[in-house]
Amino acid sequence: MTKKNGKQPVFDEAFRREAVRILATGGRTVRQVSDDLGVGFSTLNKWKTRLEEAELMAGPHDDVMKELARLRRRPVPAGSSRMPTSEKPAPLRKFVVCELKA
């Protein structure tokens, strides 16, 4: 850990990974781990989310549910759709709104 401009601490990647590992395996809440390590609650949550996302997107998984989640989060190429052609919704129609005078 180093200080950034004397204000906020900067934690290296190894510290972040270790904090998330402690959170996952320790059976303690995010609040307890963040207090013990001197890290903000939301900061630890962000680290956890980012590392889980990176692990998920790392590549093919043997676990079917993880692989499905990874494939669903992959970016869709421009001009393509995740929806099959037969299931695409009908195009929106324009409606004219007029005021009725009494």
N, C-alpha and C. Protein backbone atom coordinates (compact mmCIF):
# COMPACT_ATOMS: atom_id res chain seq x y z
N MET A 1 0.85 -1.18 0.00
CA MET A 1 0.00 0.00 0.00
C MET A 1 0.89 1.24 0.00
N THR A 2 0.57 2.18 -0.86
CA THR A 2 1.28 3.45 -0.90
C THR A 2 0.24 4.57 -0.83
N LYS A 3 0.72 5.75 -0.48
CA LYS A 3 -0.18 6.90 -0.40
C LYS A 3 -0.14 7.65 -1.73
N LYS A 4 -1.28 8.04 -2.19
CA LYS A 4 -1.40 8.79 -3.44
C LYS A 4 -1.60 10.26 -3.07
N ASN A 5 -0.65 11.08 -3.36
CA ASN A 5 -0.70 12.51 -3.03
C ASN A 5 -0.94 12.75 -1.53
N GLY A 6 -0.56 11.80 -0.71
CA GLY A 6 -0.72 11.96 0.73
C GLY A 6 -2.14 11.84 1.22
N LYS A 7 -3.08 11.46 0.35
CA LYS A 7 -4.49 11.40 0.74
C LYS A 7 -5.01 9.96 0.75
N GLN A 8 -5.29 9.43 -0.43
CA GLN A 8 -5.88 8.11 -0.53
C GLN A 8 -4.81 7.04 -0.68
N PRO A 9 -4.96 5.92 0.01
CA PRO A 9 -4.00 4.83 -0.19
C PRO A 9 -4.25 4.14 -1.53
N VAL A 10 -3.18 3.66 -2.14
CA VAL A 10 -3.28 2.91 -3.38
C VAL A 10 -2.87 1.48 -3.07
N PHE A 11 -3.75 0.53 -3.34
CA PHE A 11 -3.50 -0.86 -3.04
C PHE A 11 -3.09 -1.59 -4.32
N ASP A 12 -2.07 -2.43 -4.21
CA ASP A 12 -1.62 -3.16 -5.39
C ASP A 12 -2.56 -4.34 -5.67
N GLU A 13 -2.38 -4.93 -6.84
CA GLU A 13 -3.26 -6.01 -7.29
C GLU A 13 -3.22 -7.21 -6.36
N ALA A 14 -2.04 -7.54 -5.83
CA ALA A 14 -1.91 -8.69 -4.93
C ALA A 14 -2.74 -8.48 -3.66
N PHE A 15 -2.73 -7.27 -3.13
CA PHE A 15 -3.51 -6.97 -1.93
C PHE A 15 -5.01 -7.10 -2.23
N ARG A 16 -5.42 -6.60 -3.39
CA ARG A 16 -6.83 -6.67 -3.76
C ARG A 16 -7.29 -8.12 -3.88
N ARG A 17 -6.50 -8.92 -4.55
CA ARG A 17 -6.85 -10.34 -4.72
C ARG A 17 -6.92 -11.06 -3.36
N GLU A 18 -5.98 -10.76 -2.50
CA GLU A 18 -5.96 -11.38 -1.17
C GLU A 18 -7.18 -10.95 -0.36
N ALA A 19 -7.56 -9.69 -0.46
CA ALA A 19 -8.74 -9.19 0.26
C ALA A 19 -9.99 -9.91 -0.22
N VAL A 20 -10.12 -10.08 -1.53
CA VAL A 20 -11.29 -10.77 -2.08
C VAL A 20 -11.27 -12.25 -1.70
N ARG A 21 -10.08 -12.86 -1.67
CA ARG A 21 -9.96 -14.26 -1.26
C ARG A 21 -10.41 -14.43 0.19
N ILE A 22 -9.98 -13.52 1.06
CA ILE A 22 -10.38 -13.55 2.47
C ILE A 22 -11.90 -13.42 2.57
N LEU A 23 -12.45 -12.54 1.77
CA LEU A 23 -13.89 -12.32 1.78
C LEU A 23 -14.64 -13.59 1.34
N ALA A 24 -14.13 -14.26 0.32
CA ALA A 24 -14.80 -15.44 -0.22
C ALA A 24 -14.66 -16.66 0.68
N THR A 25 -13.53 -16.80 1.34
CA THR A 25 -13.28 -18.03 2.09
C THR A 25 -13.42 -17.87 3.61
N GLY A 26 -13.45 -16.66 4.10
CA GLY A 26 -13.44 -16.44 5.54
C GLY A 26 -14.77 -16.59 6.24
N GLY A 27 -15.88 -16.58 5.49
CA GLY A 27 -17.18 -16.68 6.14
C GLY A 27 -17.56 -15.42 6.90
N ARG A 28 -16.97 -14.30 6.53
CA ARG A 28 -17.26 -13.03 7.20
C ARG A 28 -17.93 -12.09 6.21
N THR A 29 -18.57 -11.08 6.74
CA THR A 29 -19.27 -10.12 5.88
C THR A 29 -18.28 -9.15 5.26
N VAL A 30 -18.74 -8.47 4.24
CA VAL A 30 -17.92 -7.46 3.57
C VAL A 30 -17.54 -6.36 4.56
N ARG A 31 -18.49 -5.98 5.40
CA ARG A 31 -18.23 -4.94 6.40
C ARG A 31 -17.11 -5.35 7.35
N GLN A 32 -17.13 -6.58 7.83
CA GLN A 32 -16.11 -7.05 8.77
C GLN A 32 -14.72 -7.07 8.11
N VAL A 33 -14.65 -7.60 6.90
CA VAL A 33 -13.36 -7.67 6.20
C VAL A 33 -12.85 -6.28 5.87
N SER A 34 -13.72 -5.40 5.42
CA SER A 34 -13.29 -4.04 5.08
C SER A 34 -12.78 -3.30 6.31
N ASP A 35 -13.44 -3.47 7.44
CA ASP A 35 -12.97 -2.84 8.68
C ASP A 35 -11.61 -3.39 9.12
N ASP A 36 -11.45 -4.70 9.02
CA ASP A 36 -10.18 -5.33 9.43
C ASP A 36 -9.01 -4.88 8.55
N LEU A 37 -9.26 -4.72 7.28
CA LEU A 37 -8.18 -4.37 6.35
C LEU A 37 -7.99 -2.86 6.17
N GLY A 38 -8.91 -2.08 6.69
CA GLY A 38 -8.81 -0.63 6.54
C GLY A 38 -9.16 -0.16 5.14
N VAL A 39 -10.07 -0.87 4.52
CA VAL A 39 -10.51 -0.56 3.15
C VAL A 39 -11.97 -0.17 3.23
N GLY A 40 -12.39 0.74 2.39
CA GLY A 40 -13.79 1.14 2.37
C GLY A 40 -14.71 0.00 1.95
N PHE A 41 -15.91 0.01 2.50
CA PHE A 41 -16.91 -1.01 2.20
C PHE A 41 -17.19 -1.10 0.71
N SER A 42 -17.49 0.03 0.07
CA SER A 42 -17.81 0.03 -1.36
C SER A 42 -16.58 -0.31 -2.20
N THR A 43 -15.40 0.06 -1.73
CA THR A 43 -14.17 -0.27 -2.46
C THR A 43 -13.98 -1.78 -2.52
N LEU A 44 -14.16 -2.44 -1.39
CA LEU A 44 -14.01 -3.90 -1.35
C LEU A 44 -15.07 -4.57 -2.23
N ASN A 45 -16.29 -4.04 -2.22
CA ASN A 45 -17.34 -4.58 -3.09
C ASN A 45 -16.96 -4.42 -4.56
N LYS A 46 -16.38 -3.27 -4.93
CA LYS A 46 -15.96 -3.05 -6.31
C LYS A 46 -14.87 -4.03 -6.71
N TRP A 47 -13.90 -4.25 -5.83
CA TRP A 47 -12.83 -5.21 -6.12
C TRP A 47 -13.42 -6.60 -6.35
N LYS A 48 -14.35 -6.98 -5.48
CA LYS A 48 -14.97 -8.30 -5.59
C LYS A 48 -15.70 -8.44 -6.92
N THR A 49 -16.49 -7.44 -7.28
CA THR A 49 -17.24 -7.47 -8.53
C THR A 49 -16.32 -7.54 -9.73
N ARG A 50 -15.28 -6.72 -9.74
CA ARG A 50 -14.34 -6.70 -10.88
C ARG A 50 -13.59 -8.02 -11.02
N LEU A 51 -13.15 -8.59 -9.90
CA LEU A 51 -12.42 -9.86 -9.98
C LEU A 51 -13.34 -11.00 -10.39
N GLU A 52 -14.57 -11.00 -9.92
CA GLU A 52 -15.52 -12.04 -10.33
C GLU A 52 -15.81 -11.92 -11.83
N GLU A 53 -15.97 -10.69 -12.30
CA GLU A 53 -16.23 -10.46 -13.73
C GLU A 53 -15.04 -10.90 -14.57
N ALA A 54 -13.83 -10.56 -14.12
CA ALA A 54 -12.62 -10.95 -14.85
C ALA A 54 -12.48 -12.47 -14.89
N GLU A 55 -12.78 -13.12 -13.78
CA GLU A 55 -12.70 -14.58 -13.73
C GLU A 55 -13.73 -15.21 -14.65
N LEU A 56 -14.92 -14.64 -14.68
CA LEU A 56 -15.99 -15.16 -15.51
C LEU A 56 -15.63 -15.05 -16.99
N MET A 57 -15.06 -13.91 -17.37
CA MET A 57 -14.76 -13.66 -18.77
C MET A 57 -13.42 -14.26 -19.21
N ALA A 58 -12.72 -14.92 -18.30
CA ALA A 58 -11.38 -15.45 -18.60
C ALA A 58 -11.38 -16.51 -19.68
N GLY A 59 -12.44 -17.23 -19.85
CA GLY A 59 -12.43 -18.24 -20.89
C GLY A 59 -13.44 -19.33 -20.63
N PRO A 60 -13.39 -20.38 -21.42
CA PRO A 60 -14.35 -21.47 -21.24
C PRO A 60 -14.26 -22.08 -19.85
N HIS A 61 -15.42 -22.44 -19.32
CA HIS A 61 -15.49 -23.04 -17.98
C HIS A 61 -16.12 -24.43 -18.07
N ASP A 62 -15.69 -25.31 -17.19
CA ASP A 62 -16.30 -26.64 -17.11
C ASP A 62 -17.69 -26.56 -16.51
N ASP A 63 -17.89 -25.61 -15.62
CA ASP A 63 -19.20 -25.41 -15.00
C ASP A 63 -20.14 -24.80 -16.05
N VAL A 64 -21.21 -25.50 -16.35
CA VAL A 64 -22.13 -25.07 -17.41
C VAL A 64 -22.75 -23.71 -17.09
N MET A 65 -23.15 -23.50 -15.85
CA MET A 65 -23.79 -22.23 -15.50
C MET A 65 -22.83 -21.05 -15.65
N LYS A 66 -21.57 -21.24 -15.28
CA LYS A 66 -20.58 -20.17 -15.44
C LYS A 66 -20.34 -19.89 -16.92
N GLU A 67 -20.29 -20.95 -17.72
CA GLU A 67 -20.05 -20.77 -19.16
C GLU A 67 -21.22 -20.04 -19.81
N LEU A 68 -22.43 -20.39 -19.44
CA LEU A 68 -23.60 -19.68 -19.98
C LEU A 68 -23.58 -18.21 -19.58
N ALA A 69 -23.24 -17.93 -18.34
CA ALA A 69 -23.16 -16.54 -17.89
C ALA A 69 -22.09 -15.79 -18.67
N ARG A 70 -20.95 -16.44 -18.91
CA ARG A 70 -19.87 -15.80 -19.67
C ARG A 70 -20.32 -15.50 -21.09
N LEU A 71 -20.99 -16.44 -21.73
CA LEU A 71 -21.43 -16.24 -23.11
C LEU A 71 -22.49 -15.17 -23.21
N ARG A 72 -23.32 -15.05 -22.20
CA ARG A 72 -24.35 -14.00 -22.22
C ARG A 72 -23.75 -12.61 -22.08
N ARG A 73 -22.60 -12.50 -21.42
CA ARG A 73 -21.99 -11.19 -21.19
C ARG A 73 -21.05 -10.76 -22.30
N ARG A 74 -20.77 -11.66 -23.23
CA ARG A 74 -19.87 -11.30 -24.34
C ARG A 74 -20.47 -10.16 -25.14
N PRO A 75 -19.64 -9.27 -25.63
CA PRO A 75 -20.18 -8.19 -26.45
C PRO A 75 -20.73 -8.74 -27.77
N VAL A 76 -21.81 -8.15 -28.25
CA VAL A 76 -22.42 -8.55 -29.51
C VAL A 76 -21.81 -7.71 -30.62
N PRO A 77 -21.36 -8.33 -31.73
CA PRO A 77 -20.78 -7.56 -32.82
C PRO A 77 -21.79 -6.56 -33.38
N ALA A 78 -21.29 -5.43 -33.86
CA ALA A 78 -22.16 -4.39 -34.39
C ALA A 78 -22.97 -4.94 -35.56
N GLY A 79 -24.23 -4.58 -35.62
CA GLY A 79 -25.08 -5.00 -36.71
C GLY A 79 -25.72 -6.37 -36.49
N SER A 80 -25.34 -7.06 -35.44
CA SER A 80 -25.97 -8.36 -35.19
C SER A 80 -26.89 -8.23 -34.00
N SER A 81 -27.67 -9.26 -33.81
CA SER A 81 -28.62 -9.24 -32.71
C SER A 81 -28.56 -10.57 -31.99
N ARG A 82 -28.80 -10.56 -30.70
CA ARG A 82 -28.85 -11.81 -29.95
C ARG A 82 -30.16 -12.54 -30.21
N MET A 83 -31.15 -11.80 -30.69
CA MET A 83 -32.45 -12.38 -30.91
C MET A 83 -32.49 -13.02 -32.30
N PRO A 84 -32.98 -14.26 -32.42
CA PRO A 84 -33.08 -14.88 -33.75
C PRO A 84 -34.00 -14.05 -34.65
N THR A 85 -33.77 -14.12 -35.95
CA THR A 85 -34.51 -13.31 -36.91
C THR A 85 -36.01 -13.52 -36.78
N SER A 86 -36.44 -14.76 -36.56
CA SER A 86 -37.87 -15.05 -36.49
C SER A 86 -38.53 -14.43 -35.25
N GLU A 87 -37.74 -14.05 -34.26
CA GLU A 87 -38.30 -13.51 -33.02
C GLU A 87 -38.14 -12.00 -32.89
N LYS A 88 -37.61 -11.35 -33.91
CA LYS A 88 -37.43 -9.90 -33.82
C LYS A 88 -38.79 -9.21 -33.74
N PRO A 89 -38.90 -8.19 -32.92
CA PRO A 89 -40.18 -7.50 -32.80
C PRO A 89 -40.50 -6.70 -34.07
N ALA A 90 -41.77 -6.48 -34.27
CA ALA A 90 -42.20 -5.69 -35.43
C ALA A 90 -41.68 -4.26 -35.27
N PRO A 91 -41.42 -3.58 -36.39
CA PRO A 91 -40.93 -2.20 -36.30
C PRO A 91 -41.97 -1.29 -35.66
N LEU A 92 -41.50 -0.28 -34.99
CA LEU A 92 -42.40 0.67 -34.35
C LEU A 92 -43.08 1.52 -35.41
N ARG A 93 -44.35 1.78 -35.20
CA ARG A 93 -45.09 2.62 -36.14
C ARG A 93 -45.25 4.00 -35.53
N LYS A 94 -45.25 4.98 -36.39
CA LYS A 94 -45.41 6.36 -35.93
C LYS A 94 -46.90 6.67 -35.79
N PHE A 95 -47.23 7.31 -34.70
CA PHE A 95 -48.59 7.73 -34.47
C PHE A 95 -48.64 9.24 -34.41
N VAL A 96 -49.70 9.80 -34.98
CA VAL A 96 -49.88 11.23 -34.94
C VAL A 96 -50.85 11.56 -33.82
N VAL A 97 -50.45 12.46 -32.98
CA VAL A 97 -51.30 12.86 -31.87
C VAL A 97 -51.94 14.19 -32.23
N CYS A 98 -53.28 14.24 -32.20
CA CYS A 98 -53.97 15.50 -32.48
C CYS A 98 -54.84 15.89 -31.30
N GLU A 99 -55.01 17.13 -31.18
CA GLU A 99 -55.87 17.63 -30.12
C GLU A 99 -57.29 17.77 -30.65
N LEU A 100 -58.23 17.34 -29.86
CA LEU A 100 -59.63 17.50 -30.23
C LEU A 100 -60.18 18.74 -29.58
N LYS A 101 -60.84 19.55 -30.36
CA LYS A 101 -61.42 20.77 -29.82
C LYS A 101 -62.90 20.52 -29.56
N ALA A 102 -63.36 20.99 -28.43
CA ALA A 102 -64.76 20.76 -28.06
C ALA A 102 -65.68 21.74 -28.67
